[in-house]
Amino acid sequence: MHTKIKETALKLGYINAQPVTGQPFDVWRNKLNNLPIGKYFSFEHDPAKISGWPVDQITIWVAAAPTPPVSDWPDGCGEIGSFYLYSQERRARHAAWEDAVADLGYEVKRGAVIPERAAAIRAGLGVHGLNGLLISPEYGSFVDITVLMIRAAPPPDARGAEYDLSPGCGNCGDCIKACPTNAISENGVDASICLCTYIYQYADMPEADYPKMGRRITGCDTCQFACPKNAAVKREQIPAEIMDCMKLEKLLTKPDMDCITKYVHLNEVQAKSQAVLAAANTGRKDLLPLVDALIGGENKVLDKMARWAAEQLRQN
C-alpha cells in the first residue's frame, strides 16, 4: 500500500516522494530558535502533538515538485517570482494528493502545518540552503515541498531523526551578497526584511526599500538566481495569459484578478501597491496619471506608496 502513495504523488507531478517517521524535528526547532527567521514560524515541530496520534503510528510523506524559474519578464510588466507563480497549482496538487491517499483507506491529518524543509531534509530530498530554502539535486532551490501526515506505522525504509543534520549547501555566500535588503547573513534569514514578506505585509515596508522592490509584484528570486546550485536549472516560458495580466497599465487601473488569482494568492490592493512602485522604479512617466489617480484613496498605505511613486516620476 505504501508504494501506491508514492505512485499517486508521481502521477500528480511530484518528482519524488519519500516516507519519514513522526519523530519530533528537534534539531530544526533548536536551530530555528537561534535564527532571526525562527520567530516568524508558528508550526509545531512534534508531529504527535499535531495529530494526537502515537509516534509509532505516524508516517509523514514528503514530496517535491519543480517550480522552475521563468524567462525574463518583458519590459512594461510586473514580475512574479517562480515559487509564487505556481502557488495555486501547488495548493490544488496537495489537495489532490490528500484525497488520493484518503481514497486508499488511510486516515489523513489534513491541514497539518509541519516544518516542510526539515521533513524534506529528513527524507533525503535535498540539503538546507543558507537562504533558508531546500537545495534539491534536480532543480536546486526551485522546488515546492509538500508534506502529508497519515496514521500508519512507518515503513521499514522511512528515514528518522538521525538524518536531520543537513550538511548544508556549502555557504559560498553568493546569496548574502545578492540579497537586496541584506535579509540573509551567515546567521540565517531575517524574514522581517525580505522583499517577499513586504509584498504581503506592505504596511511594514520602509520607504527606503521602495526602490529595492524593482518591478516585483510578488515574490523575489534574487538569492536563487545568485545560487550556483541553480546554475543548470532550465528556465521556462511565462504563460501568455499571466504575462498580459502583469502589464503595469492594467495593474494600475483594473487588475484582472480572475486571471491573477488563477496563478497567485494576491488581492487588488496588494497588486496596485506593488505596481505603483514598479512604475516609479522603471521610470514610466507615461503612467504618472494612473499613479496620481490612486492618491487619496481609502487605503492609506497604497496612498503613501502612490505619493512616493508620483514624486519619483516627477523628479526623474
C-alpha atoms as a PDB file:
ATOM      1  CA  MET A   1       0.000   0.000   0.000  1.00  0.00           C
ATOM      2  CA  HIS A   2       2.852   2.414   0.762  1.00  0.00           C
ATOM      3  CA  THR A   3       4.115   2.129  -2.791  1.00  0.00           C
ATOM      4  CA  LYS A   4       0.729   3.314  -4.017  1.00  0.00           C
ATOM      5  CA  ILE A   5       1.124   6.530  -2.037  1.00  0.00           C
ATOM      6  CA  LYS A   6       4.305   7.298  -3.942  1.00  0.00           C
ATOM      7  CA  GLU A   7       2.700   6.285  -7.219  1.00  0.00           C
ATOM      8  CA  THR A   8      -0.159   8.732  -6.689  1.00  0.00           C
ATOM      9  CA  ALA A   9       2.351  11.502  -5.966  1.00  0.00           C
ATOM     10  CA  LEU A  10       4.301  10.861  -9.159  1.00  0.00           C
ATOM     11  CA  LYS A  11       1.100  10.820 -11.206  1.00  0.00           C
ATOM     12  CA  LEU A  12       0.213  14.255  -9.833  1.00  0.00           C
ATOM     13  CA  GLY A  13       3.509  15.763 -10.983  1.00  0.00           C
ATOM     14  CA  TYR A  14       5.803  15.354  -7.997  1.00  0.00           C
ATOM     15  CA  ILE A  15       9.339  14.349  -8.957  1.00  0.00           C
ATOM     16  CA  ASN A  16       9.934  12.343  -5.786  1.00  0.00           C
ATOM     17  CA  ALA A  17       8.108  11.256  -2.633  1.00  0.00           C
ATOM     18  CA  GLN A  18       9.589   9.537   0.400  1.00  0.00           C
ATOM     19  CA  PRO A  19       8.303   8.480   3.854  1.00  0.00           C
ATOM     20  CA  VAL A  20       9.788   9.635   7.147  1.00  0.00           C
ATOM     21  CA  THR A  21       8.995   8.851  10.766  1.00  0.00           C
ATOM     22  CA  GLY A  22       6.896  11.008  13.054  1.00  0.00           C
ATOM     23  CA  GLN A  23       9.724  11.760  15.480  1.00  0.00           C
ATOM     24  CA  PRO A  24       9.960  15.411  16.578  1.00  0.00           C
ATOM     25  CA  PHE A  25      12.129  17.696  14.450  1.00  0.00           C
ATOM     26  CA  ASP A  26      14.111  18.830  17.474  1.00  0.00           C
ATOM     27  CA  VAL A  27      17.299  19.607  15.544  1.00  0.00           C
ATOM     28  CA  TRP A  28      15.483  22.136  13.395  1.00  0.00           C
ATOM     29  CA  ARG A  29      13.410  23.523  16.261  1.00  0.00           C
ATOM     30  CA  ASN A  30      16.613  24.313  18.159  1.00  0.00           C
ATOM     31  CA  LYS A  31      18.222  25.732  15.047  1.00  0.00           C
ATOM     32  CA  LEU A  32      15.266  27.995  14.276  1.00  0.00           C
ATOM     33  CA  ASN A  33      15.156  29.264  17.839  1.00  0.00           C
ATOM     34  CA  ASN A  34      18.663  30.640  17.290  1.00  0.00           C
ATOM     35  CA  LEU A  35      17.944  32.226  13.889  1.00  0.00           C
ATOM     36  CA  PRO A  36      16.191  35.519  13.100  1.00  0.00           C
ATOM     37  CA  ILE A  37      13.713  33.712  10.859  1.00  0.00           C
ATOM     38  CA  GLY A  38      12.668  31.416  13.703  1.00  0.00           C
ATOM     39  CA  LYS A  39      10.298  33.875  15.351  1.00  0.00           C
ATOM     40  CA  TYR A  40       8.206  34.072  12.170  1.00  0.00           C
ATOM     41  CA  PHE A  41       7.263  30.396  12.153  1.00  0.00           C
ATOM     42  CA  SER A  42       4.372  29.146  14.229  1.00  0.00           C
ATOM     43  CA  PHE A  43       4.334  25.486  13.205  1.00  0.00           C
ATOM     44  CA  GLU A  44       4.718  22.662  15.709  1.00  0.00           C
ATOM     45  CA  HIS A  45       7.832  20.507  15.398  1.00  0.00           C
ATOM     46  CA  ASP A  46       6.323  17.474  17.134  1.00  0.00           C
ATOM     47  CA  PRO A  47       4.032  15.518  14.755  1.00  0.00           C
ATOM     48  CA  ALA A  48       2.434  13.661  17.680  1.00  0.00           C
ATOM     49  CA  LYS A  49       1.194  16.956  19.128  1.00  0.00           C
ATOM     50  CA  ILE A  50      -0.178  17.996  15.744  1.00  0.00           C
ATOM     51  CA  SER A  51      -2.029  14.765  15.086  1.00  0.00           C
ATOM     52  CA  GLY A  52      -2.819  13.414  18.536  1.00  0.00           C
ATOM     53  CA  TRP A  53      -1.548  10.019  17.348  1.00  0.00           C
ATOM     54  CA  PRO A  54       1.206   7.885  18.950  1.00  0.00           C
ATOM     55  CA  VAL A  55       4.558   8.464  17.279  1.00  0.00           C
ATOM     56  CA  ASP A  56       4.777   4.822  16.156  1.00  0.00           C
ATOM     57  CA  GLN A  57       1.507   5.272  14.241  1.00  0.00           C
ATOM     58  CA  ILE A  58       2.660   8.323  12.276  1.00  0.00           C
ATOM     59  CA  THR A  59       4.135   8.313   8.793  1.00  0.00           C
ATOM     60  CA  ILE A  60       4.953  11.586   7.094  1.00  0.00           C
ATOM     61  CA  TRP A  61       5.224  11.530   3.338  1.00  0.00           C
ATOM     62  CA  VAL A  62       7.341  14.265   1.801  1.00  0.00           C
ATOM     63  CA  ALA A  63       7.173  15.130  -1.889  1.00  0.00           C
ATOM     64  CA  ALA A  64       8.874  17.693  -4.092  1.00  0.00           C
ATOM     65  CA  ALA A  65       7.619  19.260  -7.312  1.00  0.00           C
ATOM     66  CA  PRO A  66       9.519  21.617  -9.614  1.00  0.00           C
ATOM     67  CA  THR A  67       8.771  25.333  -9.625  1.00  0.00           C
ATOM     68  CA  PRO A  68      11.230  26.222 -12.402  1.00  0.00           C
ATOM     69  CA  PRO A  69      12.198  29.838 -12.991  1.00  0.00           C
ATOM     70  CA  VAL A  70      10.704  31.591 -15.982  1.00  0.00           C
ATOM     71  CA  SER A  71      12.341  33.624 -18.713  1.00  0.00           C
ATOM     72  CA  ASP A  72      12.767  37.352 -18.175  1.00  0.00           C
ATOM     73  CA  TRP A  73       9.531  39.285 -17.897  1.00  0.00           C
ATOM     74  CA  PRO A  74       9.024  41.707 -20.799  1.00  0.00           C
ATOM     75  CA  ASP A  75       9.525  45.435 -20.366  1.00  0.00           C
ATOM     76  CA  GLY A  76       6.375  47.097 -19.110  1.00  0.00           C
ATOM     77  CA  CYS A  77       5.316  44.140 -16.989  1.00  0.00           C
ATOM     78  CA  GLY A  78       5.499  43.478 -13.286  1.00  0.00           C
ATOM     79  CA  GLU A  79       7.273  40.316 -12.156  1.00  0.00           C
ATOM     80  CA  ILE A  80       6.100  37.237 -10.275  1.00  0.00           C
ATOM     81  CA  GLY A  81       8.639  35.032  -8.511  1.00  0.00           C
ATOM     82  CA  SER A  82       8.753  31.422  -9.662  1.00  0.00           C
ATOM     83  CA  PHE A  83       7.507  29.856  -6.415  1.00  0.00           C
ATOM     84  CA  TYR A  84       4.556  32.250  -6.316  1.00  0.00           C
ATOM     85  CA  LEU A  85       3.709  31.730  -9.977  1.00  0.00           C
ATOM     86  CA  TYR A  86       2.912  28.099  -9.172  1.00  0.00           C
ATOM     87  CA  SER A  87       1.213  28.757  -5.819  1.00  0.00           C
ATOM     88  CA  GLN A  88      -2.367  27.956  -6.825  1.00  0.00           C
ATOM     89  CA  GLU A  89      -1.224  24.916  -8.790  1.00  0.00           C
ATOM     90  CA  ARG A  90       0.665  23.544  -5.808  1.00  0.00           C
ATOM     91  CA  ARG A  91      -2.317  24.021  -3.496  1.00  0.00           C
ATOM     92  CA  ALA A  92      -4.533  22.072  -5.876  1.00  0.00           C
ATOM     93  CA  ARG A  93      -1.915  19.326  -6.236  1.00  0.00           C
ATOM     94  CA  HIS A  94      -1.536  19.000  -2.467  1.00  0.00           C
ATOM     95  CA  ALA A  95      -5.305  18.675  -2.014  1.00  0.00           C
ATOM     96  CA  ALA A  96      -5.482  16.091  -4.793  1.00  0.00           C
ATOM     97  CA  TRP A  97      -2.736  14.034  -3.130  1.00  0.00           C
ATOM     98  CA  GLU A  98      -4.541  14.129   0.212  1.00  0.00           C
ATOM     99  CA  ASP A  99      -7.756  12.980  -1.464  1.00  0.00           C
ATOM    100  CA  ALA A 100      -5.998  10.200  -3.361  1.00  0.00           C
ATOM    101  CA  VAL A 101      -4.309   8.842  -0.222  1.00  0.00           C
ATOM    102  CA  ALA A 102      -7.582   9.017   1.726  1.00  0.00           C
ATOM    103  CA  ASP A 103      -9.210   7.025  -1.078  1.00  0.00           C
ATOM    104  CA  LEU A 104      -6.576   4.336  -0.471  1.00  0.00           C
ATOM    105  CA  GLY A 105      -8.050   3.922   3.016  1.00  0.00           C
ATOM    106  CA  TYR A 106      -5.575   5.929   5.081  1.00  0.00           C
ATOM    107  CA  GLU A 107      -6.525   8.410   7.773  1.00  0.00           C
ATOM    108  CA  VAL A 108      -5.027  11.713   6.656  1.00  0.00           C
ATOM    109  CA  LYS A 109      -4.319  14.600   9.010  1.00  0.00           C
ATOM    110  CA  ARG A 110      -5.447  17.408   6.731  1.00  0.00           C
ATOM    111  CA  GLY A 111      -4.107  20.894   7.187  1.00  0.00           C
ATOM    112  CA  ALA A 112      -1.170  19.729   9.304  1.00  0.00           C
ATOM    113  CA  VAL A 113       1.430  22.512   9.428  1.00  0.00           C
ATOM    114  CA  ILE A 114       4.722  20.639   9.598  1.00  0.00           C
ATOM    115  CA  PRO A 115       8.221  22.126   9.076  1.00  0.00           C
ATOM    116  CA  GLU A 116       8.410  21.248   5.388  1.00  0.00           C
ATOM    117  CA  ARG A 117      12.109  21.839   4.759  1.00  0.00           C
ATOM    118  CA  ALA A 118      13.070  19.846   7.853  1.00  0.00           C
ATOM    119  CA  ALA A 119      10.878  16.962   6.678  1.00  0.00           C
ATOM    120  CA  ALA A 120      12.367  17.141   3.177  1.00  0.00           C
ATOM    121  CA  ILE A 121      15.898  17.008   4.556  1.00  0.00           C
ATOM    122  CA  ARG A 122      14.973  14.008   6.725  1.00  0.00           C
ATOM    123  CA  ALA A 123      13.542  12.377   3.599  1.00  0.00           C
ATOM    124  CA  GLY A 124      16.801  12.914   1.707  1.00  0.00           C
ATOM    125  CA  LEU A 125      15.260  15.220  -0.916  1.00  0.00           C
ATOM    126  CA  GLY A 126      17.987  17.839  -0.544  1.00  0.00           C
ATOM    127  CA  VAL A 127      20.082  19.931   1.838  1.00  0.00           C
ATOM    128  CA  HIS A 128      19.486  23.152   3.737  1.00  0.00           C
ATOM    129  CA  GLY A 129      20.495  26.323   1.905  1.00  0.00           C
ATOM    130  CA  LEU A 130      21.944  29.406   3.585  1.00  0.00           C
ATOM    131  CA  ASN A 131      18.994  31.349   2.133  1.00  0.00           C
ATOM    132  CA  GLY A 132      16.594  29.160   4.123  1.00  0.00           C
ATOM    133  CA  LEU A 133      15.484  27.087   1.127  1.00  0.00           C
ATOM    134  CA  LEU A 134      15.839  23.403   0.341  1.00  0.00           C
ATOM    135  CA  ILE A 135      18.503  22.692  -2.296  1.00  0.00           C
ATOM    136  CA  SER A 136      17.461  19.643  -4.314  1.00  0.00           C
ATOM    137  CA  PRO A 137      19.743  17.677  -6.682  1.00  0.00           C
ATOM    138  CA  GLU A 138      17.477  18.054  -9.726  1.00  0.00           C
ATOM    139  CA  TYR A 139      16.028  21.567  -9.507  1.00  0.00           C
ATOM    140  CA  GLY A 140      18.230  23.324  -6.979  1.00  0.00           C
ATOM    141  CA  SER A 141      16.061  25.527  -4.778  1.00  0.00           C
ATOM    142  CA  PHE A 142      13.320  25.846  -7.394  1.00  0.00           C
ATOM    143  CA  VAL A 143      11.072  23.243  -5.768  1.00  0.00           C
ATOM    144  CA  ASP A 144       7.828  23.096  -3.853  1.00  0.00           C
ATOM    145  CA  ILE A 145       7.735  20.816  -0.806  1.00  0.00           C
ATOM    146  CA  THR A 146       4.526  19.077   0.212  1.00  0.00           C
ATOM    147  CA  VAL A 147       4.040  17.032   3.372  1.00  0.00           C
ATOM    148  CA  LEU A 148       1.304  14.523   4.062  1.00  0.00           C
ATOM    149  CA  MET A 149       0.695  13.002   7.505  1.00  0.00           C
ATOM    150  CA  ILE A 150      -1.105   9.670   7.707  1.00  0.00           C
ATOM    151  CA  ARG A 151      -1.965   7.320  10.541  1.00  0.00           C
ATOM    152  CA  ALA A 152       0.107   4.265   9.753  1.00  0.00           C
ATOM    153  CA  ALA A 153       3.221   2.587  11.109  1.00  0.00           C
ATOM    154  CA  PRO A 154       6.284   3.911   9.256  1.00  0.00           C
ATOM    155  CA  PRO A 155       7.517   1.509   6.555  1.00  0.00           C
ATOM    156  CA  PRO A 156      10.984  -0.027   7.025  1.00  0.00           C
ATOM    157  CA  ASP A 157      12.594   2.475   4.635  1.00  0.00           C
ATOM    158  CA  ALA A 158      11.194   5.553   6.436  1.00  0.00           C
ATOM    159  CA  ARG A 159      14.085   7.768   7.490  1.00  0.00           C
ATOM    160  CA  GLY A 160      14.146   9.051  11.062  1.00  0.00           C
ATOM    161  CA  ALA A 161      15.578  11.878  13.121  1.00  0.00           C
ATOM    162  CA  GLU A 162      19.125  10.561  12.693  1.00  0.00           C
ATOM    163  CA  TYR A 163      19.036  12.106   9.188  1.00  0.00           C
ATOM    164  CA  ASP A 164      18.052  15.577  10.376  1.00  0.00           C
ATOM    165  CA  LEU A 165      21.556  17.063  10.464  1.00  0.00           C
ATOM    166  CA  SER A 166      21.833  18.532   6.985  1.00  0.00           C
ATOM    167  CA  PRO A 167      25.372  19.037   5.653  1.00  0.00           C
ATOM    168  CA  GLY A 168      24.163  22.349   4.244  1.00  0.00           C
ATOM    169  CA  CYS A 169      24.733  23.950   0.859  1.00  0.00           C
ATOM    170  CA  GLY A 170      28.378  24.902   1.377  1.00  0.00           C
ATOM    171  CA  ASN A 171      27.815  28.516   2.454  1.00  0.00           C
ATOM    172  CA  CYS A 172      29.528  30.155  -0.534  1.00  0.00           C
ATOM    173  CA  GLY A 173      27.851  33.420   0.461  1.00  0.00           C
ATOM    174  CA  ASP A 174      26.607  34.374  -3.004  1.00  0.00           C
ATOM    175  CA  CYS A 175      23.020  34.701  -1.733  1.00  0.00           C
ATOM    176  CA  ILE A 176      24.210  37.006   1.058  1.00  0.00           C
ATOM    177  CA  LYS A 177      25.853  39.334  -1.441  1.00  0.00           C
ATOM    178  CA  ALA A 178      22.846  39.310  -3.785  1.00  0.00           C
ATOM    179  CA  CYS A 179      20.016  39.960  -1.308  1.00  0.00           C
ATOM    180  CA  PRO A 180      18.650  43.486  -1.915  1.00  0.00           C
ATOM    181  CA  THR A 181      17.719  44.096   1.727  1.00  0.00           C
ATOM    182  CA  ASN A 182      20.531  42.184   3.445  1.00  0.00           C
ATOM    183  CA  ALA A 183      17.985  39.749   4.838  1.00  0.00           C
ATOM    184  CA  ILE A 184      20.441  36.835   4.538  1.00  0.00           C
ATOM    185  CA  SER A 185      23.545  36.508   6.678  1.00  0.00           C
ATOM    186  CA  GLU A 186      25.811  33.752   7.935  1.00  0.00           C
ATOM    187  CA  ASN A 187      23.446  33.541  10.914  1.00  0.00           C
ATOM    188  CA  GLY A 188      20.390  32.768   8.763  1.00  0.00           C
ATOM    189  CA  VAL A 189      17.478  34.697   7.278  1.00  0.00           C
ATOM    190  CA  ASP A 190      15.665  37.694   8.760  1.00  0.00           C
ATOM    191  CA  ALA A 191      12.239  37.223   7.180  1.00  0.00           C
ATOM    192  CA  SER A 192      11.018  40.566   8.515  1.00  0.00           C
ATOM    193  CA  ILE A 193      13.040  42.454   5.885  1.00  0.00           C
ATOM    194  CA  CYS A 194      12.727  40.010   2.973  1.00  0.00           C
ATOM    195  CA  LEU A 195      11.077  41.535  -0.109  1.00  0.00           C
ATOM    196  CA  CYS A 196       8.768  38.513  -0.304  1.00  0.00           C
ATOM    197  CA  THR A 197       7.429  39.366   3.161  1.00  0.00           C
ATOM    198  CA  TYR A 198       6.972  43.037   2.343  1.00  0.00           C
ATOM    199  CA  ILE A 199       4.661  42.234  -0.561  1.00  0.00           C
ATOM    200  CA  TYR A 200       2.140  40.639   1.770  1.00  0.00           C
ATOM    201  CA  GLN A 201       2.869  42.960   4.686  1.00  0.00           C
ATOM    202  CA  TYR A 202       3.394  46.102   2.631  1.00  0.00           C
ATOM    203  CA  ALA A 203       2.499  48.401   5.522  1.00  0.00           C
ATOM    204  CA  ASP A 204       5.754  47.318   7.198  1.00  0.00           C
ATOM    205  CA  MET A 205       7.988  48.174   4.236  1.00  0.00           C
ATOM    206  CA  PRO A 206      10.217  51.162   4.995  1.00  0.00           C
ATOM    207  CA  GLU A 207      10.195  53.829   2.301  1.00  0.00           C
ATOM    208  CA  ALA A 208      13.940  53.370   1.881  1.00  0.00           C
ATOM    209  CA  ASP A 209      13.242  49.906   0.491  1.00  0.00           C
ATOM    210  CA  TYR A 210      10.707  51.028  -2.128  1.00  0.00           C
ATOM    211  CA  PRO A 211      13.401  51.321  -4.838  1.00  0.00           C
ATOM    212  CA  LYS A 212      14.705  47.842  -3.972  1.00  0.00           C
ATOM    213  CA  MET A 213      11.361  46.333  -4.941  1.00  0.00           C
ATOM    214  CA  GLY A 214      12.164  46.944  -8.601  1.00  0.00           C
ATOM    215  CA  ARG A 215       9.185  45.758 -10.603  1.00  0.00           C
ATOM    216  CA  ARG A 216       8.318  42.791  -8.413  1.00  0.00           C
ATOM    217  CA  ILE A 217       4.591  42.288  -7.928  1.00  0.00           C
ATOM    218  CA  THR A 218       5.009  39.215  -5.760  1.00  0.00           C
ATOM    219  CA  GLY A 219       7.968  37.036  -4.870  1.00  0.00           C
ATOM    220  CA  CYS A 220      11.716  37.566  -5.211  1.00  0.00           C
ATOM    221  CA  ASP A 221      14.106  35.124  -6.889  1.00  0.00           C
ATOM    222  CA  THR A 222      17.286  37.179  -6.436  1.00  0.00           C
ATOM    223  CA  CYS A 223      19.007  34.869  -3.952  1.00  0.00           C
ATOM    224  CA  GLN A 224      18.033  31.833  -6.022  1.00  0.00           C
ATOM    225  CA  PHE A 225      19.448  33.225  -9.258  1.00  0.00           C
ATOM    226  CA  ALA A 226      22.688  34.018  -7.426  1.00  0.00           C
ATOM    227  CA  CYS A 227      22.998  30.461  -6.059  1.00  0.00           C
ATOM    228  CA  PRO A 228      25.468  28.295  -8.025  1.00  0.00           C
ATOM    229  CA  LYS A 229      23.315  25.251  -7.237  1.00  0.00           C
ATOM    230  CA  ASN A 230      20.702  26.718  -9.591  1.00  0.00           C
ATOM    231  CA  ALA A 231      23.053  27.467 -12.495  1.00  0.00           C
ATOM    232  CA  ALA A 232      21.907  24.466 -14.544  1.00  0.00           C
ATOM    233  CA  VAL A 233      18.158  24.841 -13.867  1.00  0.00           C
ATOM    234  CA  LYS A 234      16.381  25.495 -17.161  1.00  0.00           C
ATOM    235  CA  ARG A 235      14.012  28.443 -17.386  1.00  0.00           C
ATOM    236  CA  GLU A 236      10.520  28.033 -18.788  1.00  0.00           C
ATOM    237  CA  GLN A 237       8.358  30.347 -20.852  1.00  0.00           C
ATOM    238  CA  ILE A 238       5.989  32.646 -18.997  1.00  0.00           C
ATOM    239  CA  PRO A 239       2.337  31.708 -19.647  1.00  0.00           C
ATOM    240  CA  ALA A 240       0.995  34.268 -22.143  1.00  0.00           C
ATOM    241  CA  GLU A 241      -2.171  34.768 -20.113  1.00  0.00           C
ATOM    242  CA  ILE A 242      -0.446  35.916 -16.930  1.00  0.00           C
ATOM    243  CA  MET A 243       2.091  37.945 -18.876  1.00  0.00           C
ATOM    244  CA  ASP A 244      -0.713  40.054 -20.301  1.00  0.00           C
ATOM    245  CA  CYS A 245      -2.238  40.461 -16.822  1.00  0.00           C
ATOM    246  CA  MET A 246       1.047  41.806 -15.457  1.00  0.00           C
ATOM    247  CA  LYS A 247       1.180  44.846 -17.741  1.00  0.00           C
ATOM    248  CA  LEU A 248       1.559  47.820 -15.432  1.00  0.00           C
ATOM    249  CA  GLU A 249      -1.222  49.771 -17.154  1.00  0.00           C
ATOM    250  CA  LYS A 250      -3.687  47.034 -16.238  1.00  0.00           C
ATOM    251  CA  LEU A 251      -2.405  46.624 -12.700  1.00  0.00           C
ATOM    252  CA  LEU A 252      -2.719  50.342 -12.010  1.00  0.00           C
ATOM    253  CA  THR A 253      -6.272  50.647 -13.313  1.00  0.00           C
ATOM    254  CA  LYS A 254      -8.373  47.496 -13.140  1.00  0.00           C
ATOM    255  CA  PRO A 255      -6.276  44.394 -12.479  1.00  0.00           C
ATOM    256  CA  ASP A 256      -7.711  41.206 -13.929  1.00  0.00           C
ATOM    257  CA  MET A 257      -7.967  39.469 -10.577  1.00  0.00           C
ATOM    258  CA  ASP A 258      -9.694  36.429 -12.079  1.00  0.00           C
ATOM    259  CA  CYS A 259      -6.589  35.845 -14.175  1.00  0.00           C
ATOM    260  CA  ILE A 260      -4.085  36.767 -11.479  1.00  0.00           C
ATOM    261  CA  THR A 261      -5.610  34.562  -8.787  1.00  0.00           C
ATOM    262  CA  LYS A 262      -5.502  31.572 -11.111  1.00  0.00           C
ATOM    263  CA  TYR A 263      -1.757  31.702 -10.516  1.00  0.00           C
ATOM    264  CA  VAL A 264      -1.001  33.587  -7.300  1.00  0.00           C
ATOM    265  CA  HIS A 265      -2.638  34.433  -3.984  1.00  0.00           C
ATOM    266  CA  LEU A 266      -2.874  38.214  -4.231  1.00  0.00           C
ATOM    267  CA  ASN A 267      -5.555  40.849  -3.740  1.00  0.00           C
ATOM    268  CA  GLU A 268      -6.179  44.004  -5.752  1.00  0.00           C
ATOM    269  CA  VAL A 269      -4.696  46.431  -3.231  1.00  0.00           C
ATOM    270  CA  GLN A 270      -1.505  44.387  -2.998  1.00  0.00           C
ATOM    271  CA  ALA A 271      -1.245  44.286  -6.796  1.00  0.00           C
ATOM    272  CA  LYS A 272      -1.722  48.047  -7.127  1.00  0.00           C
ATOM    273  CA  SER A 273       0.650  48.881  -4.281  1.00  0.00           C
ATOM    274  CA  GLN A 274       3.466  46.980  -5.949  1.00  0.00           C
ATOM    275  CA  ALA A 275       2.534  48.288  -9.408  1.00  0.00           C
ATOM    276  CA  VAL A 276       2.990  51.933  -8.344  1.00  0.00           C
ATOM    277  CA  LEU A 277       6.472  51.077  -7.082  1.00  0.00           C
ATOM    278  CA  ALA A 278       7.243  49.226 -10.313  1.00  0.00           C
ATOM    279  CA  ALA A 279       6.105  52.227 -12.351  1.00  0.00           C
ATOM    280  CA  ALA A 280       8.423  54.538 -10.406  1.00  0.00           C
ATOM    281  CA  ASN A 281      11.346  52.129 -10.336  1.00  0.00           C
ATOM    282  CA  THR A 282      11.235  51.663 -14.117  1.00  0.00           C
ATOM    283  CA  GLY A 283      10.811  55.368 -14.863  1.00  0.00           C
ATOM    284  CA  ARG A 284       7.403  55.038 -16.518  1.00  0.00           C
ATOM    285  CA  LYS A 285       6.487  58.731 -16.686  1.00  0.00           C
ATOM    286  CA  ASP A 286       3.679  57.846 -19.090  1.00  0.00           C
ATOM    287  CA  LEU A 287       1.978  56.088 -16.183  1.00  0.00           C
ATOM    288  CA  LEU A 288       2.052  59.132 -13.915  1.00  0.00           C
ATOM    289  CA  PRO A 289      -1.661  59.953 -14.484  1.00  0.00           C
ATOM    290  CA  LEU A 290      -2.585  56.410 -13.434  1.00  0.00           C
ATOM    291  CA  VAL A 291      -0.405  56.663 -10.332  1.00  0.00           C
ATOM    292  CA  ASP A 292      -1.896  60.062  -9.478  1.00  0.00           C
ATOM    293  CA  ALA A 293      -5.376  58.544  -9.687  1.00  0.00           C
ATOM    294  CA  LEU A 294      -4.500  56.226  -6.784  1.00  0.00           C
ATOM    295  CA  ILE A 295      -3.576  59.094  -4.463  1.00  0.00           C
ATOM    296  CA  GLY A 296      -6.156  59.908  -1.827  1.00  0.00           C
ATOM    297  CA  GLY A 297      -7.861  56.534  -1.805  1.00  0.00           C
ATOM    298  CA  GLU A 298      -9.206  54.717   1.239  1.00  0.00           C
ATOM    299  CA  ASN A 299      -6.147  52.516   1.711  1.00  0.00           C
ATOM    300  CA  LYS A 300      -3.574  54.683   3.478  1.00  0.00           C
ATOM    301  CA  VAL A 301      -0.588  52.526   2.609  1.00  0.00           C
ATOM    302  CA  LEU A 302      -1.451  52.473  -1.096  1.00  0.00           C
ATOM    303  CA  ASP A 303      -1.940  56.242  -0.888  1.00  0.00           C
ATOM    304  CA  LYS A 304       1.528  56.628   0.663  1.00  0.00           C
ATOM    305  CA  MET A 305       3.147  54.427  -1.988  1.00  0.00           C
ATOM    306  CA  ALA A 306       1.363  56.224  -4.819  1.00  0.00           C
ATOM    307  CA  ARG A 307       2.504  59.612  -3.484  1.00  0.00           C
ATOM    308  CA  TRP A 308       6.090  58.370  -3.297  1.00  0.00           C
ATOM    309  CA  ALA A 309       5.913  56.920  -6.818  1.00  0.00           C
ATOM    310  CA  ALA A 310       4.404  60.113  -8.252  1.00  0.00           C
ATOM    311  CA  GLU A 311       7.134  62.215  -6.637  1.00  0.00           C
ATOM    312  CA  GLN A 312       9.839  59.960  -8.087  1.00  0.00           C
ATOM    313  CA  LEU A 313       8.337  60.118 -11.562  1.00  0.00           C
ATOM    314  CA  ARG A 314       8.112  63.919 -11.440  1.00  0.00           C
ATOM    315  CA  GLN A 315      11.675  64.329 -10.200  1.00  0.00           C
ATOM    316  CA  ASN A 316      13.447  61.890 -12.500  1.00  0.00           C
END
